[in-house]
Amino acid sequence: MGTYPFKKGWQKIGKKVFAYLQPDGSWGLNNAGLIVDEGQSLLIDTLYDIPHTREMLEGIIDIAPDFIKVDTVVNTHGDGDHFYGNSLVKDAEIYSTETCLREMQAMPPKKMNMLMNLWFLLGPAGAYAKKAFRDFHYKNIPLVLPNKTFKNKITLTIGSISAELIEIKNTHKEGNIIVYIPEEKIVFTADLLFINAFPLAWSGPIQSWIDGLDTILNLDVTTIVPGHGPIVKKDDVRKVKDFFTFMYEQTKIQFLKGMTMMDTALHIDLSMYKHWSEKERIISVIECIYRELDPVQKKLSPIKLFGMMAKLRKKLI
């Protein structure tokens, strides 16, 4: 899979670059990154709550003795596991795209805390979400949003290191950023890549996701840090791209037969991906494809998708 073990904590993956991994990479257990050079630093994403983010930040000194403080942060997209910890780095310059910022504003920690407290009112969807996010604590998390936004692409300089922030629209979320460090041949893909797990598609269209993966493949990189899962190489990116191509082709066949999304999920043969976890998340990919094939179809809310995942999970057991 790669040359770096998938174990919790910081690992040095370049002369000036570090990755923070959170096994097993399932719901809420995202990866983060750090560049440290000449007394300056760039943090790529915070984590889902204060305790997890604090543990991550406290571990920096063990792997980067020259680290002074977090000067700059990039929030790669609007899911809470990539920005709810921002209050611990609130004095930094925090970057996101304009679209990412809007998505963050739509789902602040206070709203997530309310949903988790009232999960029992949401039926199977609430029970599924409660189980998925049971290890996190959303109460009293201050909302700290990015104070710098950009469109398309921007290059930041950390000491002598350049980091290219590249906007990839309409994939996992409507707004997404990958962070490319040319000198080190490293890219942090955030949630354009889920490794050893089925991708979660909140936005789409799937063709945009395939195009985004092509963007990664066209970069001069040898080390790829996904949003969730172990560090990988380009062959693993190709496998994820092939998955989306396969899902589009198979879903279109069932759509044209008039099958429901749930029946399609149960019909597609996923045996080649049997080692991937969270199989029920294929319903989110299928929902994206159905919307592509039928523009009249309205986008389902996350709660409705959670409900469908809960139902599908029971059928797949």
Protein backbone atom coordinates (compact mmCIF):
# COMPACT_ATOMS: atom_id res chain seq x y z
CA MET A 1 0.00 0.00 0.00
CA GLY A 2 2.76 2.42 0.91
CA THR A 3 5.98 2.89 2.85
CA TYR A 4 4.35 4.42 5.92
CA PRO A 5 2.58 2.40 8.62
CA PHE A 6 -1.06 3.19 9.25
CA LYS A 7 -0.75 4.00 12.94
CA LYS A 8 -2.08 6.85 15.01
CA GLY A 9 0.00 9.99 15.28
CA TRP A 10 2.50 12.09 13.40
CA GLN A 11 4.88 10.66 10.82
CA LYS A 12 7.60 12.44 8.90
CA ILE A 13 6.89 11.98 5.19
CA GLY A 14 9.28 14.57 3.73
CA LYS A 15 12.16 16.76 4.79
CA LYS A 16 9.77 19.42 6.04
CA VAL A 17 6.40 17.66 5.82
CA PHE A 18 4.48 15.53 8.31
CA ALA A 19 1.22 13.58 8.25
CA TYR A 20 -1.11 12.90 11.16
CA LEU A 21 -3.01 9.64 10.74
CA GLN A 22 -6.07 8.39 12.60
CA PRO A 23 -6.78 4.68 12.16
CA ASP A 24 -9.06 3.13 11.21
CA GLY A 25 -10.01 6.08 9.01
CA SER A 26 -13.75 5.53 9.45
CA TRP A 27 -16.40 8.15 10.28
CA GLY A 28 -14.76 11.29 11.69
CA LEU A 29 -11.23 9.84 11.85
CA ASN A 30 -9.56 12.03 9.25
CA ASN A 31 -5.91 12.66 8.50
CA ALA A 32 -4.15 16.01 8.79
CA GLY A 33 -0.82 17.47 7.69
CA LEU A 34 1.90 19.89 8.66
CA ILE A 35 4.72 21.80 6.98
CA VAL A 36 7.41 23.32 9.21
CA ASP A 37 10.32 25.36 7.88
CA GLU A 38 12.39 28.33 9.07
CA GLY A 39 10.18 28.90 12.10
CA GLN A 40 6.96 28.98 10.07
CA SER A 41 4.24 26.37 9.79
CA LEU A 42 1.16 25.37 7.83
CA LEU A 43 -1.42 22.98 9.33
CA ILE A 44 -3.65 21.10 6.90
CA ASP A 45 -6.99 20.60 8.66
CA THR A 46 -7.94 20.38 12.30
CA LEU A 47 -9.92 17.45 13.74
CA TYR A 48 -13.51 16.71 14.79
CA ASP A 49 -13.45 18.00 18.34
CA ILE A 50 -11.26 19.76 20.90
CA PRO A 51 -9.73 16.68 22.61
CA HIS A 52 -8.68 15.06 19.33
CA THR A 53 -7.26 18.32 17.97
CA ARG A 54 -5.42 19.12 21.21
CA GLU A 55 -3.79 15.68 21.22
CA MET A 56 -2.68 16.21 17.63
CA LEU A 57 -1.22 19.66 18.30
CA GLU A 58 0.56 18.55 21.47
CA GLY A 59 2.31 15.83 19.50
CA ILE A 60 3.94 18.22 17.03
CA ILE A 61 6.93 19.02 19.24
CA ASP A 62 7.89 15.35 19.29
CA ILE A 63 8.39 15.22 15.54
CA ALA A 64 9.29 18.84 14.70
CA PRO A 65 11.60 20.32 17.37
CA ASP A 66 11.87 23.58 15.38
CA PHE A 67 8.10 24.10 15.54
CA ILE A 68 7.09 27.36 17.26
CA LYS A 69 3.37 27.78 16.61
CA VAL A 70 0.74 27.26 13.94
CA ASP A 71 0.94 30.32 11.71
CA THR A 72 -1.35 29.18 8.90
CA VAL A 73 -4.17 26.66 8.56
CA VAL A 74 -5.94 25.25 5.53
CA ASN A 75 -9.44 23.81 6.01
CA THR A 76 -9.87 21.53 3.02
CA HIS A 77 -13.68 21.41 3.07
CA GLY A 78 -16.79 21.98 5.11
CA ASP A 79 -17.17 18.71 7.05
CA GLY A 80 -16.69 19.16 10.78
CA ASP A 81 -13.92 16.59 11.08
CA HIS A 82 -11.76 18.98 9.07
CA PHE A 83 -12.46 22.26 10.90
CA TYR A 84 -14.22 21.87 14.29
CA GLY A 85 -10.84 22.06 16.04
CA ASN A 86 -10.08 25.54 14.65
CA SER A 87 -10.57 27.26 18.01
CA LEU A 88 -7.22 25.84 19.14
CA VAL A 89 -5.48 27.68 16.29
CA LYS A 90 -7.73 30.73 16.17
CA ASP A 91 -4.82 33.19 16.00
CA ALA A 92 -3.56 31.73 12.74
CA GLU A 93 -4.44 32.78 9.22
CA ILE A 94 -7.04 30.19 8.21
CA TYR A 95 -7.64 29.54 4.51
CA SER A 96 -10.50 27.90 2.66
CA THR A 97 -12.37 28.43 -0.58
CA GLU A 98 -15.47 30.61 -0.55
CA THR A 99 -17.61 27.52 -1.14
CA CYS A 100 -15.96 25.69 1.78
CA LEU A 101 -16.71 28.65 4.02
CA ARG A 102 -20.40 28.59 3.15
CA GLU A 103 -20.56 24.87 3.90
CA MET A 104 -18.90 25.40 7.28
CA GLN A 105 -21.39 28.09 8.17
CA ALA A 106 -24.25 25.73 7.32
CA MET A 107 -23.10 23.05 9.79
CA PRO A 108 -21.49 24.63 12.88
CA PRO A 109 -20.54 22.52 15.93
CA LYS A 110 -23.60 23.77 17.81
CA LYS A 111 -25.90 22.26 15.19
CA MET A 112 -24.00 18.97 15.18
CA ASN A 113 -24.24 18.83 18.98
CA MET A 114 -27.99 19.35 18.80
CA LEU A 115 -28.39 16.57 16.24
CA MET A 116 -26.39 14.16 18.38
CA ASN A 117 -28.42 15.03 21.47
CA LEU A 118 -31.70 14.52 19.63
CA TRP A 119 -30.64 11.52 17.58
CA PHE A 120 -33.51 9.43 18.97
CA LEU A 121 -36.01 11.70 17.21
CA LEU A 122 -34.53 10.88 13.81
CA GLY A 123 -35.31 7.17 13.75
CA PRO A 124 -32.83 4.80 12.07
CA ALA A 125 -30.92 7.74 10.58
CA GLY A 126 -30.28 9.17 14.03
CA ALA A 127 -29.24 5.81 15.46
CA TYR A 128 -26.82 5.29 12.57
CA ALA A 129 -25.30 8.77 12.99
CA LYS A 130 -25.04 8.36 16.76
CA LYS A 131 -23.08 5.14 16.36
CA ALA A 132 -20.86 6.60 13.64
CA PHE A 133 -19.91 9.68 15.70
CA ARG A 134 -20.04 8.25 19.23
CA ASP A 135 -16.36 8.95 20.00
CA PHE A 136 -16.56 12.73 19.55
CA HIS A 137 -17.64 15.57 21.82
CA TYR A 138 -19.34 18.54 20.15
CA LYS A 139 -20.59 20.41 23.23
CA ASN A 140 -19.26 23.96 23.67
CA ILE A 141 -17.00 23.92 20.59
CA PRO A 142 -16.48 27.54 19.50
CA LEU A 143 -17.13 28.19 15.83
CA VAL A 144 -13.92 29.56 14.32
CA LEU A 145 -14.19 30.05 10.58
CA PRO A 146 -11.51 30.76 7.96
CA ASN A 147 -10.45 34.40 7.73
CA LYS A 148 -8.89 34.05 4.26
CA THR A 149 -10.68 32.73 1.19
CA PHE A 150 -9.66 32.14 -2.41
CA LYS A 151 -10.91 30.73 -5.70
CA ASN A 152 -9.29 28.17 -7.97
CA LYS A 153 -5.69 28.19 -6.75
CA ILE A 154 -3.30 29.98 -4.43
CA THR A 155 0.33 29.36 -3.46
CA LEU A 156 1.47 29.81 0.14
CA THR A 157 5.11 30.01 1.23
CA ILE A 158 6.25 28.40 4.47
CA GLY A 159 9.91 29.26 4.96
CA SER A 160 11.49 27.94 1.76
CA ILE A 161 8.62 25.56 0.97
CA SER A 162 5.77 26.30 -1.45
CA ALA A 163 2.34 24.76 -0.97
CA GLU A 164 -0.23 24.98 -3.75
CA LEU A 165 -3.84 25.04 -2.59
CA ILE A 166 -5.95 23.77 -5.50
CA GLU A 167 -9.73 24.01 -5.50
CA ILE A 168 -11.53 20.87 -6.72
CA LYS A 169 -15.25 21.58 -6.97
CA ASN A 170 -18.27 19.28 -6.69
CA THR A 171 -16.79 16.00 -5.53
CA HIS A 172 -17.07 14.83 -1.92
CA LYS A 173 -18.47 18.28 -1.12
CA GLU A 174 -19.23 21.28 -3.29
CA GLY A 175 -16.01 22.88 -2.08
CA ASN A 176 -12.76 20.88 -1.72
CA ILE A 177 -9.05 21.69 -1.57
CA ILE A 178 -6.01 19.54 -2.22
CA VAL A 179 -2.61 20.70 -0.96
CA TYR A 180 0.34 20.02 -3.26
CA ILE A 181 3.95 20.42 -2.13
CA PRO A 182 5.98 20.21 -5.36
CA GLU A 183 9.44 20.23 -3.75
CA GLU A 184 8.56 17.17 -1.66
CA LYS A 185 6.37 15.44 -4.30
CA ILE A 186 3.59 15.16 -1.73
CA VAL A 187 -0.12 15.88 -1.99
CA PHE A 188 -2.79 15.95 0.71
CA THR A 189 -6.04 15.06 -1.04
CA ALA A 190 -8.49 15.43 1.86
CA ASP A 191 -11.73 13.57 1.14
CA LEU A 192 -11.26 13.18 -2.58
CA LEU A 193 -9.67 9.94 -1.38
CA PHE A 194 -11.03 7.39 1.05
CA ILE A 195 -8.65 4.41 1.15
CA ASN A 196 -9.90 0.91 2.02
CA ALA A 197 -13.37 2.35 2.54
CA PHE A 198 -16.25 3.26 0.27
CA PRO A 199 -16.27 6.98 -0.60
CA LEU A 200 -18.91 9.27 0.83
CA ALA A 201 -20.49 11.52 -1.78
CA TRP A 202 -22.35 14.54 -0.41
CA SER A 203 -22.16 16.50 -3.65
CA GLY A 204 -20.96 15.17 -6.99
CA PRO A 205 -21.42 14.86 -9.91
CA ILE A 206 -19.31 11.73 -10.07
CA GLN A 207 -17.62 12.86 -13.30
CA SER A 208 -16.26 15.86 -11.39
CA TRP A 209 -14.81 13.46 -8.83
CA ILE A 210 -13.17 11.43 -11.60
CA ASP A 211 -11.74 14.66 -13.04
CA GLY A 212 -10.45 15.60 -9.58
CA LEU A 213 -8.67 12.27 -9.25
CA ASP A 214 -7.12 12.90 -12.69
CA THR A 215 -5.82 16.21 -11.34
CA ILE A 216 -4.05 14.29 -8.58
CA LEU A 217 -2.70 11.71 -11.02
CA ASN A 218 -1.29 14.47 -13.23
CA LEU A 219 0.73 15.94 -10.35
CA ASP A 220 4.40 15.02 -9.89
CA VAL A 221 3.90 13.19 -6.61
CA THR A 222 5.16 10.01 -4.99
CA THR A 223 3.43 10.32 -1.60
CA ILE A 224 -0.33 10.79 -1.33
CA VAL A 225 -2.08 11.45 1.97
CA PRO A 226 -5.82 10.73 1.73
CA GLY A 227 -8.52 12.31 3.83
CA HIS A 228 -9.16 8.95 5.49
CA GLY A 229 -6.98 5.85 5.47
CA PRO A 230 -3.30 5.00 4.97
CA ILE A 231 -0.76 6.91 2.90
CA VAL A 232 -0.70 5.63 -0.68
CA LYS A 233 0.79 5.88 -4.17
CA LYS A 234 -0.76 6.72 -7.54
CA ASP A 235 -1.86 3.13 -8.21
CA ASP A 236 -4.27 3.44 -5.29
CA VAL A 237 -5.71 6.64 -6.74
CA ARG A 238 -6.32 4.79 -9.99
CA LYS A 239 -8.21 2.10 -8.09
CA VAL A 240 -10.54 4.71 -6.61
CA LYS A 241 -11.00 6.30 -10.03
CA ASP A 242 -11.82 2.87 -11.47
CA PHE A 243 -14.38 2.38 -8.70
CA PHE A 244 -16.24 5.55 -9.67
CA THR A 245 -16.18 4.61 -13.35
CA PHE A 246 -17.51 1.15 -12.47
CA MET A 247 -20.22 2.58 -10.22
CA TYR A 248 -21.37 5.04 -12.86
CA GLU A 249 -21.63 2.36 -15.53
CA GLN A 250 -23.42 -0.15 -13.31
CA THR A 251 -25.76 2.41 -11.75
CA LYS A 252 -26.77 3.78 -15.14
CA ILE A 253 -27.77 0.29 -16.28
CA GLN A 254 -30.07 -0.15 -13.28
CA PHE A 255 -31.41 3.40 -13.52
CA LEU A 256 -32.47 2.82 -17.12
CA LYS A 257 -34.30 -0.32 -15.97
CA GLY A 258 -36.32 1.83 -13.56
CA MET A 259 -34.83 0.33 -10.40
CA THR A 260 -34.88 2.24 -7.13
CA MET A 261 -31.62 3.48 -5.60
CA MET A 262 -31.88 0.87 -2.85
CA ASP A 263 -32.44 -1.98 -5.31
CA THR A 264 -29.52 -0.73 -7.37
CA ALA A 265 -27.29 -0.77 -4.28
CA LEU A 266 -28.26 -4.37 -3.61
CA HIS A 267 -27.90 -5.45 -7.23
CA ILE A 268 -24.40 -4.20 -8.07
CA ASP A 269 -21.69 -6.81 -7.56
CA LEU A 270 -19.06 -5.24 -5.31
CA SER A 271 -17.07 -8.41 -4.68
CA MET A 272 -13.89 -6.80 -6.04
CA TYR A 273 -14.17 -4.25 -3.21
CA LYS A 274 -15.05 -6.73 -0.46
CA HIS A 275 -12.12 -5.59 1.70
CA TRP A 276 -13.42 -1.99 1.79
CA SER A 277 -15.36 -0.88 4.86
CA GLU A 278 -18.63 1.11 5.15
CA LYS A 279 -20.19 -0.61 2.16
CA GLU A 280 -23.52 1.08 2.89
CA ARG A 281 -22.03 4.41 1.79
CA ILE A 282 -22.43 3.32 -1.84
CA ILE A 283 -25.96 4.68 -1.58
CA SER A 284 -24.52 8.20 -1.48
CA VAL A 285 -22.62 7.54 -4.72
CA ILE A 286 -25.69 6.04 -6.33
CA GLU A 287 -27.80 9.02 -5.25
CA CYS A 288 -25.29 11.36 -6.96
CA ILE A 289 -25.45 9.36 -10.16
CA TYR A 290 -29.25 9.26 -10.14
CA ARG A 291 -29.26 13.06 -9.89
CA GLU A 292 -26.88 13.26 -12.85
CA LEU A 293 -29.10 10.99 -14.92
CA ASP A 294 -32.31 12.72 -13.85
CA PRO A 295 -31.71 16.46 -13.27
CA VAL A 296 -35.27 16.84 -11.96
CA GLN A 297 -34.45 14.64 -8.99
CA LYS A 298 -33.80 16.69 -5.86
CA LYS A 299 -30.70 16.24 -3.75
CA LEU A 300 -31.34 14.20 -0.60
CA SER A 301 -30.49 15.67 2.78
CA PRO A 302 -27.70 14.09 4.86
CA ILE A 303 -30.34 12.82 7.31
CA LYS A 304 -32.22 11.02 4.54
CA LEU A 305 -28.96 9.54 3.28
CA PHE A 306 -28.09 8.37 6.78
CA GLY A 307 -31.49 6.69 6.93
CA MET A 308 -30.82 4.92 3.64
CA MET A 309 -27.36 3.87 4.83
CA ALA A 310 -28.89 2.43 8.00
CA LYS A 311 -31.45 0.47 5.98
CA LEU A 312 -28.86 -0.75 3.49
CA ARG A 313 -26.44 -1.78 6.22
CA LYS A 314 -29.07 -4.12 7.68
CA LYS A 315 -29.70 -5.68 4.29
CA LEU A 316 -25.99 -6.18 3.68
CA ILE A 317 -25.26 -7.96 6.97
